Amino acid sequence: MRLWSPDSKRLAVSDGKALFLVVADSGERHRLASGRVYLGGVSFAPDGRALAYSRANDKVGREYRSDIFVARLSDGETRRLSHDGHSDMPVWGRGWIVYRSFHFDGDWSMGRLRLMRPDGNGDRPFARGGEKTSLAQMGVDPLAFSDDGKHLLACQAFEFACAPLTFTVPAGERHEIVVERRRGELATAADLSRDGTHVLVDVGPFDGPLNHRVYAVPFAGGTPRLLVRDATAPSWAR
């Protein structure tokens, strides 16, 4: 796992056993957290002064547990924001942290979104997704905030894909992003533009990187614009 800070001067790196902060110019490395750190749950504060992450146990299925922490980068002071063992995937926006609150249906982990302030206060439910195991639905996952913190990219999680959804924050106005697909193709949310106006969507077969297409779609839905063929895993320049 690698994640650049907003000013591109530092890099958060995890090897699955510890979380480190690396200074880009010098290569100087500082340990922020030890133990098992959930690789998909690391997010810098918009001002780059702190880092939110989720720390999980080493269990799978119904025994999986995770909570959210914030580390101040100036001195490494760490604060625990959740205590229920059912919280992960924090995404830090201006004024808010959105995260996945999960529960289990059999061995399936189902996600629902919650919002809280960066100090852990004001925690409240925000959004739900489909949770039918017969359709391989696994709730909703958070992905990215716009720079102003008012636009959120999330996705309806499936077993093999994550279909794009967008929300206004904190109002919660919801939009499903639709891109035409051929038989056997899936549309997967990739990234949100810094100004929150467009979403990148990766469309292609679930069983490999070939024959994929990348589209830009307006935040509230609309006509997709094809950007490139035979490409996958896009992201916006920061």
Foldseek 3Di string as FASTA:
>chain_A
DWDAFPVRQWIWDDPQAWIWIAGVPPRDIDTQGGGGWDPQFWEAALVRQKIKGKHWHPDAFQPIFIFIKMAGPVVSDIDTQDDPRQWGRWYHAVQKIKTWGWDDDHRATATFIWIDGPVNPPIDGAGWDDDDVVQQWRIKGWDYAAHRRQKTWIFTDGPQATFIKMAGPPVGDIAGADDDADPQKDKHWAEAYNRRFWTWIWIDHSPDQAFIWIWIAGRRYDDTDTDDTSDDRDYDDD
